[in-house]
PDB file of N, CA and C in Angstrom:
ATOM      1  N   UNK A   1     -21.214 -16.196 -48.307  1.00  0.00           N
ATOM      2  CA  UNK A   1     -19.829 -16.470 -48.625  1.00  0.00           C
ATOM      3  C   UNK A   1     -19.029 -15.167 -48.724  1.00  0.00           C
ATOM      4  N   UNK A   2     -19.667 -14.087 -49.101  1.00  0.00           N
ATOM      5  CA  UNK A   2     -18.967 -12.814 -49.257  1.00  0.00           C
ATOM      6  C   UNK A   2     -18.392 -12.331 -47.931  1.00  0.00           C
ATOM      7  N   UNK A   3     -19.167 -12.476 -46.819  1.00  0.00           N
ATOM      8  CA  UNK A   3     -18.675 -12.060 -45.513  1.00  0.00           C
ATOM      9  C   UNK A   3     -17.441 -12.857 -45.113  1.00  0.00           C
ATOM     10  N   UNK A   4     -17.496 -14.148 -45.356  1.00  0.00           N
ATOM     11  CA  UNK A   4     -16.352 -14.975 -45.012  1.00  0.00           C
ATOM     12  C   UNK A   4     -15.135 -14.557 -45.821  1.00  0.00           C
ATOM     13  N   UNK A   5     -15.288 -14.310 -47.095  1.00  0.00           N
ATOM     14  CA  UNK A   5     -14.179 -13.884 -47.933  1.00  0.00           C
ATOM     15  C   UNK A   5     -13.619 -12.557 -47.426  1.00  0.00           C
ATOM     16  N   UNK A   6     -14.499 -11.644 -47.047  1.00  0.00           N
ATOM     17  CA  UNK A   6     -14.052 -10.344 -46.543  1.00  0.00           C
ATOM     18  C   UNK A   6     -13.233 -10.525 -45.269  1.00  0.00           C
ATOM     19  N   UNK A   7     -13.678 -11.404 -44.386  1.00  0.00           N
ATOM     20  CA  UNK A   7     -12.949 -11.639 -43.145  1.00  0.00           C
ATOM     21  C   UNK A   7     -11.589 -12.264 -43.423  1.00  0.00           C
ATOM     22  N   UNK A   8     -11.531 -13.188 -44.360  1.00  0.00           N
ATOM     23  CA  UNK A   8     -10.267 -13.837 -44.699  1.00  0.00           C
ATOM     24  C   UNK A   8      -9.286 -12.830 -45.298  1.00  0.00           C
ATOM     25  N   UNK A   9      -9.787 -11.907 -46.065  1.00  0.00           N
ATOM     26  CA  UNK A   9      -8.933 -10.904 -46.696  1.00  0.00           C
ATOM     27  C   UNK A   9      -8.516  -9.797 -45.740  1.00  0.00           C
ATOM     28  N   UNK A  10      -9.042  -9.782 -44.494  1.00  0.00           N
ATOM     29  CA  UNK A  10      -8.641  -8.782 -43.513  1.00  0.00           C
ATOM     30  C   UNK A  10      -9.496  -7.535 -43.526  1.00  0.00           C
ATOM     31  N   UNK A  11     -10.651  -7.605 -44.060  1.00  0.00           N
ATOM     32  CA  UNK A  11     -11.545  -6.454 -44.096  1.00  0.00           C
ATOM     33  C   UNK A  11     -12.716  -6.684 -43.162  1.00  0.00           C
ATOM     34  N   UNK A  12     -13.139  -5.607 -42.501  1.00  0.00           N
ATOM     35  CA  UNK A  12     -14.339  -5.696 -41.692  1.00  0.00           C
ATOM     36  C   UNK A  12     -15.527  -5.741 -42.628  1.00  0.00           C
ATOM     37  N   UNK A  13     -16.508  -6.520 -42.258  1.00  0.00           N
ATOM     38  CA  UNK A  13     -17.704  -6.622 -43.081  1.00  0.00           C
ATOM     39  C   UNK A  13     -18.423  -5.284 -43.098  1.00  0.00           C
ATOM     40  N   UNK A  14     -18.798  -4.840 -44.258  1.00  0.00           N
ATOM     41  CA  UNK A  14     -19.632  -3.659 -44.371  1.00  0.00           C
ATOM     42  C   UNK A  14     -18.919  -2.385 -44.743  1.00  0.00           C
ATOM     43  N   UNK A  15     -17.805  -2.043 -44.073  1.00  0.00           N
ATOM     44  CA  UNK A  15     -17.224  -0.727 -44.343  1.00  0.00           C
ATOM     45  C   UNK A  15     -15.922  -0.766 -45.133  1.00  0.00           C
ATOM     46  N   UNK A  16     -15.367  -1.917 -45.388  1.00  0.00           N
ATOM     47  CA  UNK A  16     -14.188  -2.025 -46.229  1.00  0.00           C
ATOM     48  C   UNK A  16     -12.889  -1.579 -45.580  1.00  0.00           C
ATOM     49  N   UNK A  17     -12.900  -1.223 -44.293  1.00  0.00           N
ATOM     50  CA  UNK A  17     -11.663  -0.823 -43.624  1.00  0.00           C
ATOM     51  C   UNK A  17     -10.860  -2.057 -43.241  1.00  0.00           C
ATOM     52  N   UNK A  18      -9.568  -1.911 -43.235  1.00  0.00           N
ATOM     53  CA  UNK A  18      -8.711  -3.010 -42.807  1.00  0.00           C
ATOM     54  C   UNK A  18      -8.887  -3.231 -41.309  1.00  0.00           C
ATOM     55  N   UNK A  19      -8.954  -4.498 -40.900  1.00  0.00           N
ATOM     56  CA  UNK A  19      -9.022  -4.811 -39.478  1.00  0.00           C
ATOM     57  C   UNK A  19      -7.653  -4.541 -38.872  1.00  0.00           C
ATOM     58  N   UNK A  20      -7.651  -4.154 -37.610  1.00  0.00           N
ATOM     59  CA  UNK A  20      -6.395  -3.892 -36.925  1.00  0.00           C
ATOM     60  C   UNK A  20      -5.706  -5.209 -36.600  1.00  0.00           C
ATOM     61  N   UNK A  21      -4.399  -5.167 -36.593  1.00  0.00           N
ATOM     62  CA  UNK A  21      -3.638  -6.353 -36.210  1.00  0.00           C
ATOM     63  C   UNK A  21      -3.789  -6.568 -34.709  1.00  0.00           C
ATOM     64  N   UNK A  22      -3.393  -7.723 -34.257  1.00  0.00           N
ATOM     65  CA  UNK A  22      -3.459  -8.017 -32.819  1.00  0.00           C
ATOM     66  C   UNK A  22      -2.623  -7.013 -32.031  1.00  0.00           C
ATOM     67  N   UNK A  23      -1.451  -6.703 -32.537  1.00  0.00           N
ATOM     68  CA  UNK A  23      -0.573  -5.758 -31.852  1.00  0.00           C
ATOM     69  C   UNK A  23      -1.210  -4.377 -31.754  1.00  0.00           C
ATOM     70  N   UNK A  24      -1.896  -3.958 -32.808  1.00  0.00           N
ATOM     71  CA  UNK A  24      -2.567  -2.653 -32.783  1.00  0.00           C
ATOM     72  C   UNK A  24      -3.722  -2.660 -31.781  1.00  0.00           C
ATOM     73  N   UNK A  25      -4.454  -3.752 -31.738  1.00  0.00           N
ATOM     74  CA  UNK A  25      -5.558  -3.843 -30.782  1.00  0.00           C
ATOM     75  C   UNK A  25      -5.046  -3.844 -29.348  1.00  0.00           C
ATOM     76  N   UNK A  26      -3.951  -4.561 -29.114  1.00  0.00           N
ATOM     77  CA  UNK A  26      -3.351  -4.597 -27.776  1.00  0.00           C
ATOM     78  C   UNK A  26      -2.874  -3.207 -27.378  1.00  0.00           C
ATOM     79  N   UNK A  27      -2.195  -2.520 -28.275  1.00  0.00           N
ATOM     80  CA  UNK A  27      -1.696  -1.175 -27.980  1.00  0.00           C
ATOM     81  C   UNK A  27      -2.847  -0.219 -27.666  1.00  0.00           C
ATOM     82  N   UNK A  28      -3.922  -0.331 -28.410  1.00  0.00           N
ATOM     83  CA  UNK A  28      -5.083   0.536 -28.179  1.00  0.00           C
ATOM     84  C   UNK A  28      -5.716   0.242 -26.815  1.00  0.00           C
ATOM     85  N   UNK A  29      -5.837  -1.027 -26.496  1.00  0.00           N
ATOM     86  CA  UNK A  29      -6.435  -1.409 -25.208  1.00  0.00           C
ATOM     87  C   UNK A  29      -5.558  -0.961 -24.047  1.00  0.00           C
ATOM     88  N   UNK A  30      -4.219  -1.087 -24.178  1.00  0.00           N
ATOM     89  CA  UNK A  30      -3.297  -0.647 -23.126  1.00  0.00           C
ATOM     90  C   UNK A  30      -3.466   0.831 -22.822  1.00  0.00           C
ATOM     91  N   UNK A  31      -3.726   1.630 -23.854  1.00  0.00           N
ATOM     92  CA  UNK A  31      -3.908   3.078 -23.654  1.00  0.00           C
ATOM     93  C   UNK A  31      -5.140   3.374 -22.812  1.00  0.00           C
ATOM     94  N   UNK A  32      -6.125   2.488 -22.855  1.00  0.00           N
ATOM     95  CA  UNK A  32      -7.391   2.723 -22.169  1.00  0.00           C
ATOM     96  C   UNK A  32      -7.400   2.240 -20.722  1.00  0.00           C
ATOM     97  N   UNK A  33      -6.353   1.552 -20.282  1.00  0.00           N
ATOM     98  CA  UNK A  33      -6.342   1.008 -18.926  1.00  0.00           C
ATOM     99  C   UNK A  33      -5.408   1.799 -18.028  1.00  0.00           C
ATOM    100  N   UNK A  34      -5.632   1.746 -16.719  1.00  0.00           N
ATOM    101  CA  UNK A  34      -4.716   2.416 -15.787  1.00  0.00           C
ATOM    102  C   UNK A  34      -3.302   1.847 -15.925  1.00  0.00           C
ATOM    103  N   UNK A  35      -2.326   2.695 -15.804  1.00  0.00           N
ATOM    104  CA  UNK A  35      -0.930   2.274 -15.959  1.00  0.00           C
ATOM    105  C   UNK A  35      -0.539   1.144 -15.008  1.00  0.00           C
ATOM    106  N   UNK A  36      -1.101   1.149 -13.820  1.00  0.00           N
ATOM    107  CA  UNK A  36      -0.716   0.141 -12.823  1.00  0.00           C
ATOM    108  C   UNK A  36      -1.067  -1.285 -13.241  1.00  0.00           C
ATOM    109  N   UNK A  37      -1.950  -1.464 -14.207  1.00  0.00           N
ATOM    110  CA  UNK A  37      -2.348  -2.799 -14.645  1.00  0.00           C
ATOM    111  C   UNK A  37      -1.685  -3.228 -15.951  1.00  0.00           C
ATOM    112  N   UNK A  38      -0.889  -2.389 -16.535  1.00  0.00           N
ATOM    113  CA  UNK A  38      -0.314  -2.694 -17.852  1.00  0.00           C
ATOM    114  C   UNK A  38       0.685  -3.838 -17.832  1.00  0.00           C
ATOM    115  N   UNK A  39       1.517  -3.932 -16.815  1.00  0.00           N
ATOM    116  CA  UNK A  39       2.510  -5.017 -16.751  1.00  0.00           C
ATOM    117  C   UNK A  39       1.809  -6.380 -16.672  1.00  0.00           C
ATOM    118  N   UNK A  40       0.762  -6.462 -15.850  1.00  0.00           N
ATOM    119  CA  UNK A  40      -0.015  -7.697 -15.751  1.00  0.00           C
ATOM    120  C   UNK A  40      -0.659  -8.024 -17.095  1.00  0.00           C
ATOM    121  N   UNK A  41      -1.222  -7.019 -17.748  1.00  0.00           N
ATOM    122  CA  UNK A  41      -1.862  -7.212 -19.049  1.00  0.00           C
ATOM    123  C   UNK A  41      -0.846  -7.707 -20.075  1.00  0.00           C
ATOM    124  N   UNK A  42       0.352  -7.120 -20.061  1.00  0.00           N
ATOM    125  CA  UNK A  42       1.404  -7.536 -20.994  1.00  0.00           C
ATOM    126  C   UNK A  42       1.755  -9.008 -20.808  1.00  0.00           C
ATOM    127  N   UNK A  43       1.889  -9.450 -19.554  1.00  0.00           N
ATOM    128  CA  UNK A  43       2.182 -10.864 -19.286  1.00  0.00           C
ATOM    129  C   UNK A  43       1.057 -11.745 -19.813  1.00  0.00           C
ATOM    130  N   UNK A  44      -0.174 -11.268 -19.645  1.00  0.00           N
ATOM    131  CA  UNK A  44      -1.332 -12.058 -20.078  1.00  0.00           C
ATOM    132  C   UNK A  44      -1.373 -12.218 -21.593  1.00  0.00           C
ATOM    133  N   UNK A  45      -1.221 -11.129 -22.323  1.00  0.00           N
ATOM    134  CA  UNK A  45      -1.357 -11.210 -23.784  1.00  0.00           C
ATOM    135  C   UNK A  45      -0.162 -11.894 -24.440  1.00  0.00           C
ATOM    136  N   UNK A  46       0.956 -11.981 -23.727  1.00  0.00           N
ATOM    137  CA  UNK A  46       2.108 -12.711 -24.260  1.00  0.00           C
ATOM    138  C   UNK A  46       2.029 -14.199 -23.939  1.00  0.00           C
ATOM    139  N   UNK A  47       0.992 -14.596 -23.197  1.00  0.00           N
ATOM    140  CA  UNK A  47       0.831 -16.005 -22.848  1.00  0.00           C
ATOM    141  C   UNK A  47       1.789 -16.472 -21.775  1.00  0.00           C
ATOM    142  N   UNK A  48       2.305 -15.558 -20.981  1.00  0.00           N
ATOM    143  CA  UNK A  48       3.290 -15.900 -19.956  1.00  0.00           C
ATOM    144  C   UNK A  48       2.653 -16.415 -18.674  1.00  0.00           C
ATOM    145  N   UNK A  49       1.369 -16.095 -18.442  1.00  0.00           N
ATOM    146  CA  UNK A  49       0.757 -16.450 -17.174  1.00  0.00           C
ATOM    147  C   UNK A  49      -0.757 -16.568 -17.305  1.00  0.00           C
ATOM    148  N   UNK A  50      -1.273 -17.731 -16.961  1.00  0.00           N
ATOM    149  CA  UNK A  50      -2.722 -17.900 -16.943  1.00  0.00           C
ATOM    150  C   UNK A  50      -3.341 -17.046 -15.836  1.00  0.00           C
ATOM    151  N   UNK A  51      -2.666 -16.942 -14.700  1.00  0.00           N
ATOM    152  CA  UNK A  51      -3.166 -16.113 -13.596  1.00  0.00           C
ATOM    153  C   UNK A  51      -3.265 -14.660 -14.045  1.00  0.00           C
ATOM    154  N   UNK A  52      -2.267 -14.173 -14.755  1.00  0.00           N
ATOM    155  CA  UNK A  52      -2.311 -12.796 -15.257  1.00  0.00           C
ATOM    156  C   UNK A  52      -3.475 -12.611 -16.226  1.00  0.00           C
ATOM    157  N   UNK A  53      -3.745 -13.622 -17.043  1.00  0.00           N
ATOM    158  CA  UNK A  53      -4.852 -13.536 -17.993  1.00  0.00           C
ATOM    159  C   UNK A  53      -6.194 -13.470 -17.263  1.00  0.00           C
ATOM    160  N   UNK A  54      -6.356 -14.284 -16.235  1.00  0.00           N
ATOM    161  CA  UNK A  54      -7.589 -14.265 -15.444  1.00  0.00           C
ATOM    162  C   UNK A  54      -7.745 -12.916 -14.757  1.00  0.00           C
ATOM    163  N   UNK A  55      -6.679 -12.443 -14.123  1.00  0.00           N
ATOM    164  CA  UNK A  55      -6.731 -11.152 -13.437  1.00  0.00           C
ATOM    165  C   UNK A  55      -7.086 -10.036 -14.405  1.00  0.00           C
ATOM    166  N   UNK A  56      -6.440 -10.021 -15.556  1.00  0.00           N
ATOM    167  CA  UNK A  56      -6.689  -8.964 -16.540  1.00  0.00           C
ATOM    168  C   UNK A  56      -8.124  -9.015 -17.051  1.00  0.00           C
ATOM    169  N   UNK A  57      -8.624 -10.209 -17.327  1.00  0.00           N
ATOM    170  CA  UNK A  57      -9.992 -10.333 -17.833  1.00  0.00           C
ATOM    171  C   UNK A  57     -11.003  -9.853 -16.800  1.00  0.00           C
ATOM    172  N   UNK A  58     -10.839 -10.285 -15.553  1.00  0.00           N
ATOM    173  CA  UNK A  58     -11.767  -9.870 -14.500  1.00  0.00           C
ATOM    174  C   UNK A  58     -11.721  -8.356 -14.293  1.00  0.00           C
ATOM    175  N   UNK A  59     -10.536  -7.796 -14.255  1.00  0.00           N
ATOM    176  CA  UNK A  59     -10.405  -6.348 -14.060  1.00  0.00           C
ATOM    177  C   UNK A  59     -10.997  -5.568 -15.224  1.00  0.00           C
ATOM    178  N   UNK A  60     -10.741  -6.021 -16.427  1.00  0.00           N
ATOM    179  CA  UNK A  60     -11.294  -5.329 -17.590  1.00  0.00           C
ATOM    180  C   UNK A  60     -12.821  -5.389 -17.581  1.00  0.00           C
ATOM    181  N   UNK A  61     -13.367  -6.507 -17.155  1.00  0.00           N
ATOM    182  CA  UNK A  61     -14.814  -6.700 -17.113  1.00  0.00           C
ATOM    183  C   UNK A  61     -15.500  -5.664 -16.224  1.00  0.00           C
ATOM    184  N   UNK A  62     -14.834  -5.249 -15.147  1.00  0.00           N
ATOM    185  CA  UNK A  62     -15.434  -4.300 -14.201  1.00  0.00           C
ATOM    186  C   UNK A  62     -14.728  -2.941 -14.236  1.00  0.00           C
ATOM    187  N   UNK A  63     -14.207  -2.590 -15.384  1.00  0.00           N
ATOM    188  CA  UNK A  63     -13.577  -1.267 -15.599  1.00  0.00           C
ATOM    189  C   UNK A  63     -12.425  -0.989 -14.644  1.00  0.00           C
ATOM    190  N   UNK A  64     -11.630  -2.020 -14.372  1.00  0.00           N
ATOM    191  CA  UNK A  64     -10.388  -1.886 -13.628  1.00  0.00           C
ATOM    192  C   UNK A  64     -10.570  -1.463 -12.170  1.00  0.00           C
ATOM    193  N   UNK A  65     -11.675  -1.881 -11.564  1.00  0.00           N
ATOM    194  CA  UNK A  65     -11.942  -1.574 -10.157  1.00  0.00           C
ATOM    195  C   UNK A  65     -11.849  -2.875  -9.362  1.00  0.00           C
ATOM    196  N   UNK A  66     -10.774  -3.022  -8.583  1.00  0.00           N
ATOM    197  CA  UNK A  66     -10.534  -4.280  -7.876  1.00  0.00           C
ATOM    198  C   UNK A  66     -11.674  -4.636  -6.927  1.00  0.00           C
ATOM    199  N   UNK A  67     -12.254  -3.660  -6.274  1.00  0.00           N
ATOM    200  CA  UNK A  67     -13.363  -3.930  -5.353  1.00  0.00           C
ATOM    201  C   UNK A  67     -14.536  -4.574  -6.097  1.00  0.00           C
ATOM    202  N   UNK A  68     -14.764  -4.155  -7.336  1.00  0.00           N
ATOM    203  CA  UNK A  68     -15.854  -4.723  -8.121  1.00  0.00           C
ATOM    204  C   UNK A  68     -15.587  -6.178  -8.495  1.00  0.00           C
ATOM    205  N   UNK A  69     -14.324  -6.539  -8.674  1.00  0.00           N
ATOM    206  CA  UNK A  69     -13.993  -7.943  -8.933  1.00  0.00           C
ATOM    207  C   UNK A  69     -14.354  -8.760  -7.700  1.00  0.00           C
ATOM    208  N   UNK A  70     -13.981  -8.269  -6.530  1.00  0.00           N
ATOM    209  CA  UNK A  70     -14.282  -8.959  -5.276  1.00  0.00           C
ATOM    210  C   UNK A  70     -15.790  -9.121  -5.090  1.00  0.00           C
ATOM    211  N   UNK A  71     -16.566  -8.104  -5.487  1.00  0.00           N
ATOM    212  CA  UNK A  71     -18.016  -8.123  -5.287  1.00  0.00           C
ATOM    213  C   UNK A  71     -18.780  -8.701  -6.475  1.00  0.00           C
ATOM    214  N   UNK A  72     -18.098  -9.323  -7.392  1.00  0.00           N
ATOM    215  CA  UNK A  72     -18.712  -9.857  -8.607  1.00  0.00           C
ATOM    216  C   UNK A  72     -19.944 -10.695  -8.287  1.00  0.00           C
ATOM    217  N   UNK A  73     -21.004 -10.468  -9.058  1.00  0.00           N
ATOM    218  CA  UNK A  73     -22.247 -11.207  -8.857  1.00  0.00           C
ATOM    219  C   UNK A  73     -22.562 -12.153 -10.009  1.00  0.00           C
ATOM    220  N   UNK A  74     -21.679 -12.246 -10.986  1.00  0.00           N
ATOM    221  CA  UNK A  74     -21.927 -13.114 -12.135  1.00  0.00           C
ATOM    222  C   UNK A  74     -21.518 -14.544 -11.788  1.00  0.00           C
ATOM    223  N   UNK A  75     -22.389 -15.220 -11.069  1.00  0.00           N
ATOM    224  CA  UNK A  75     -22.096 -16.573 -10.589  1.00  0.00           C
ATOM    225  C   UNK A  75     -21.901 -17.568 -11.723  1.00  0.00           C
ATOM    226  N   UNK A  76     -22.411 -17.271 -12.902  1.00  0.00           N
ATOM    227  CA  UNK A  76     -22.278 -18.177 -14.046  1.00  0.00           C
ATOM    228  C   UNK A  76     -21.005 -17.925 -14.848  1.00  0.00           C
ATOM    229  N   UNK A  77     -20.252 -16.906 -14.508  1.00  0.00           N
ATOM    230  CA  UNK A  77     -19.006 -16.617 -15.220  1.00  0.00           C
ATOM    231  C   UNK A  77     -18.028 -17.771 -14.997  1.00  0.00           C
ATOM    232  N   UNK A  78     -17.383 -18.247 -16.054  1.00  0.00           N
ATOM    233  CA  UNK A  78     -16.433 -19.352 -15.890  1.00  0.00           C
ATOM    234  C   UNK A  78     -15.229 -18.990 -15.026  1.00  0.00           C
ATOM    235  N   UNK A  79     -14.969 -17.703 -14.836  1.00  0.00           N
ATOM    236  CA  UNK A  79     -13.829 -17.282 -14.023  1.00  0.00           C
ATOM    237  C   UNK A  79     -14.220 -16.946 -12.585  1.00  0.00           C
ATOM    238  N   UNK A  80     -15.496 -17.036 -12.260  1.00  0.00           N
ATOM    239  CA  UNK A  80     -15.974 -16.619 -10.936  1.00  0.00           C
ATOM    240  C   UNK A  80     -15.199 -17.288  -9.802  1.00  0.00           C
ATOM    241  N   UNK A  81     -15.035 -18.588  -9.855  1.00  0.00           N
ATOM    242  CA  UNK A  81     -14.385 -19.330  -8.770  1.00  0.00           C
ATOM    243  C   UNK A  81     -12.901 -19.023  -8.640  1.00  0.00           C
ATOM    244  N   UNK A  82     -12.278 -18.531  -9.700  1.00  0.00           N
ATOM    245  CA  UNK A  82     -10.837 -18.279  -9.662  1.00  0.00           C
ATOM    246  C   UNK A  82     -10.508 -16.791  -9.787  1.00  0.00           C
ATOM    247  N   UNK A  83     -11.526 -15.929  -9.656  1.00  0.00           N
ATOM    248  CA  UNK A  83     -11.295 -14.492  -9.809  1.00  0.00           C
ATOM    249  C   UNK A  83     -10.359 -13.992  -8.711  1.00  0.00           C
ATOM    250  N   UNK A  84      -9.607 -12.952  -9.014  1.00  0.00           N
ATOM    251  CA  UNK A  84      -8.682 -12.396  -8.016  1.00  0.00           C
ATOM    252  C   UNK A  84      -9.424 -11.562  -6.985  1.00  0.00           C
ATOM    253  N   UNK A  85      -8.722 -11.203  -5.927  1.00  0.00           N
ATOM    254  CA  UNK A  85      -9.198 -10.258  -4.908  1.00  0.00           C
ATOM    255  C   UNK A  85     -10.392 -10.768  -4.117  1.00  0.00           C
ATOM    256  N   UNK A  86     -10.548 -12.087  -4.016  1.00  0.00           N
ATOM    257  CA  UNK A  86     -11.627 -12.624  -3.192  1.00  0.00           C
ATOM    258  C   UNK A  86     -11.276 -12.405  -1.726  1.00  0.00           C
ATOM    259  N   UNK A  87     -12.286 -12.353  -0.893  1.00  0.00           N
ATOM    260  CA  UNK A  87     -12.038 -12.139   0.529  1.00  0.00           C
ATOM    261  C   UNK A  87     -11.264 -13.318   1.100  1.00  0.00           C
ATOM    262  N   UNK A  88     -10.504 -13.069   2.133  1.00  0.00           N
ATOM    263  CA  UNK A  88      -9.670 -14.118   2.713  1.00  0.00           C
ATOM    264  C   UNK A  88     -10.506 -15.171   3.438  1.00  0.00           C
ATOM    265  N   UNK A  89     -11.797 -14.909   3.715  1.00  0.00           N
ATOM    266  CA  UNK A  89     -12.636 -15.934   4.324  1.00  0.00           C
ATOM    267  C   UNK A  89     -12.802 -17.132   3.399  1.00  0.00           C
ATOM    268  N   UNK A  90     -12.636 -16.928   2.082  1.00  0.00           N
ATOM    269  CA  UNK A  90     -12.696 -18.030   1.122  1.00  0.00           C
ATOM    270  C   UNK A  90     -11.354 -18.745   1.043  1.00  0.00           C
ATOM    271  N   UNK A  91     -10.354 -18.232   1.736  1.00  0.00           N
ATOM    272  CA  UNK A  91      -9.028 -18.807   1.639  1.00  0.00           C
ATOM    273  C   UNK A  91      -8.256 -18.269   0.449  1.00  0.00           C
ATOM    274  N   UNK A  92      -8.826 -17.235  -0.227  1.00  0.00           N
ATOM    275  CA  UNK A  92      -8.158 -16.646  -1.388  1.00  0.00           C
ATOM    276  C   UNK A  92      -8.289 -15.140  -1.316  1.00  0.00           C
ATOM    277  N   UNK A  93      -7.241 -14.476  -1.687  1.00  0.00           N
ATOM    278  CA  UNK A  93      -7.281 -13.024  -1.760  1.00  0.00           C
ATOM    279  C   UNK A  93      -6.585 -12.553  -3.024  1.00  0.00           C
ATOM    280  N   UNK A  94      -6.626 -13.368  -4.047  1.00  0.00           N
ATOM    281  CA  UNK A  94      -5.937 -13.050  -5.283  1.00  0.00           C
ATOM    282  C   UNK A  94      -4.588 -13.735  -5.382  1.00  0.00           C
ATOM    283  N   UNK A  95      -4.139 -14.262  -4.264  1.00  0.00           N
ATOM    284  CA  UNK A  95      -2.860 -14.972  -4.219  1.00  0.00           C
ATOM    285  C   UNK A  95      -3.088 -16.297  -3.515  1.00  0.00           C
ATOM    286  N   UNK A  96      -2.259 -17.287  -3.787  1.00  0.00           N
ATOM    287  CA  UNK A  96      -2.334 -18.543  -3.053  1.00  0.00           C
ATOM    288  C   UNK A  96      -1.862 -18.290  -1.634  1.00  0.00           C
ATOM    289  N   UNK A  97      -2.533 -18.881  -0.661  1.00  0.00           N
ATOM    290  CA  UNK A  97      -2.170 -18.657   0.724  1.00  0.00           C
ATOM    291  C   UNK A  97      -0.912 -19.420   1.112  1.00  0.00           C
ATOM    292  N   UNK A  98      -0.637 -20.527   0.448  1.00  0.00           N
ATOM    293  CA  UNK A  98       0.600 -21.257   0.669  1.00  0.00           C
ATOM    294  C   UNK A  98       0.919 -22.041  -0.594  1.00  0.00           C
ATOM    295  N   UNK A  99       2.164 -22.394  -0.791  1.00  0.00           N
ATOM    296  CA  UNK A  99       2.522 -23.135  -2.000  1.00  0.00           C
ATOM    297  C   UNK A  99       1.800 -24.473  -2.042  1.00  0.00           C
ATOM    298  N   UNK A 100       1.505 -24.913  -3.262  1.00  0.00           N
ATOM    299  CA  UNK A 100       0.886 -26.221  -3.411  1.00  0.00           C
ATOM    300  C   UNK A 100       1.879 -27.287  -3.008  1.00  0.00           C
ATOM    301  N   UNK A 101       1.409 -28.272  -2.316  1.00  0.00           N
ATOM    302  CA  UNK A 101       2.255 -29.348  -1.856  1.00  0.00           C
ATOM    303  C   UNK A 101       2.541 -30.321  -2.992  1.00  0.00           C
ATOM    304  N   UNK A 102       3.739 -30.857  -3.014  1.00  0.00           N
ATOM    305  CA  UNK A 102       4.073 -31.904  -3.974  1.00  0.00           C
ATOM    306  C   UNK A 102       3.874 -33.272  -3.335  1.00  0.00           C
ATOM    307  N   UNK A 103       3.463 -33.282  -2.049  1.00  0.00           N
ATOM    308  CA  UNK A 103       3.211 -34.528  -1.334  1.00  0.00           C
ATOM    309  C   UNK A 103       1.846 -35.069  -1.699  1.00  0.00           C
ATOM    310  N   UNK A 104       1.568 -36.281  -1.227  1.00  0.00           N
ATOM    311  CA  UNK A 104       0.250 -36.862  -1.501  1.00  0.00           C
ATOM    312  C   UNK A 104      -0.822 -36.069  -0.778  1.00  0.00           C
ATOM    313  N   UNK A 105      -2.049 -36.226  -1.205  1.00  0.00           N
ATOM    314  CA  UNK A 105      -3.169 -35.503  -0.631  1.00  0.00           C
ATOM    315  C   UNK A 105      -3.370 -35.772   0.854  1.00  0.00           C
ATOM    316  N   UNK A 106      -3.033 -36.992   1.321  1.00  0.00           N
ATOM    317  CA  UNK A 106      -3.253 -37.329   2.728  1.00  0.00           C
ATOM    318  C   UNK A 106      -2.376 -36.486   3.641  1.00  0.00           C
ATOM    319  N   UNK A 107      -1.136 -36.273   3.277  1.00  0.00           N
ATOM    320  CA  UNK A 107      -0.258 -35.456   4.102  1.00  0.00           C
ATOM    321  C   UNK A 107      -0.755 -34.027   4.167  1.00  0.00           C
ATOM    322  N   UNK A 108      -1.252 -33.503   3.042  1.00  0.00           N
ATOM    323  CA  UNK A 108      -1.786 -32.148   3.021  1.00  0.00           C
ATOM    324  C   UNK A 108      -3.004 -32.012   3.908  1.00  0.00           C
ATOM    325  N   UNK A 109      -3.859 -33.052   3.922  1.00  0.00           N
ATOM    326  CA  UNK A 109      -5.051 -33.036   4.771  1.00  0.00           C
ATOM    327  C   UNK A 109      -4.627 -33.094   6.229  1.00  0.00           C
ATOM    328  N   UNK A 110      -3.674 -33.966   6.565  1.00  0.00           N
ATOM    329  CA  UNK A 110      -3.196 -34.066   7.937  1.00  0.00           C
ATOM    330  C   UNK A 110      -2.605 -32.743   8.405  1.00  0.00           C
ATOM    331  N   UNK A 111      -1.833 -32.086   7.562  1.00  0.00           N
ATOM    332  CA  UNK A 111      -1.226 -30.810   7.907  1.00  0.00           C
ATOM    333  C   UNK A 111      -2.292 -29.763   8.163  1.00  0.00           C
ATOM    334  N   UNK A 112      -3.315 -29.729   7.303  1.00  0.00           N
ATOM    335  CA  UNK A 112      -4.378 -28.744   7.444  1.00  0.00           C
ATOM    336  C   UNK A 112      -5.171 -28.978   8.728  1.00  0.00           C
ATOM    337  N   UNK A 113      -5.291 -30.234   9.163  1.00  0.00           N
ATOM    338  CA  UNK A 113      -6.040 -30.538  10.385  1.00  0.00           C
ATOM    339  C   UNK A 113      -5.154 -30.533  11.623  1.00  0.00           C
ATOM    340  N   UNK A 114      -3.841 -30.312  11.446  1.00  0.00           N
ATOM    341  CA  UNK A 114      -2.927 -30.290  12.570  1.00  0.00           C
ATOM    342  C   UNK A 114      -2.572 -31.677  13.094  1.00  0.00           C
ATOM    343  N   UNK A 115      -2.667 -32.680  12.259  1.00  0.00           N
ATOM    344  CA  UNK A 115      -2.408 -34.062  12.683  1.00  0.00           C
ATOM    345  C   UNK A 115      -1.058 -34.576  12.251  1.00  0.00           C
ATOM    346  N   UNK A 116      -0.055 -33.745  12.178  1.00  0.00           N
ATOM    347  CA  UNK A 116       1.261 -34.226  11.755  1.00  0.00           C
ATOM    348  C   UNK A 116       2.004 -34.926  12.832  1.00  0.00           C
TER     349      UNK A 116
END
């Protein structure tokens, strides 16, 4: 029960130091990443974009190396199928190849097969 009380009071278990606020943790993490990824990270942590959150998580996982995201071997990762920077042979390269259709699925299939 003591550990739980310590966590509720904002103290890290064991050393008595105050835990950092979310804003402090975000600021610290931003300092550790390449500047070119900070805008995407900001959108992700503000909850503005699920795509930005996925991109940021995948990039952070491989130390901000886009090629490593593309070459990811963690097939059990829940983000594997939606990771950014996939080769275009999969029909994905980090971006949607065309806007999602608001039409029924049959029209989309016909269009993809050239049967319009």
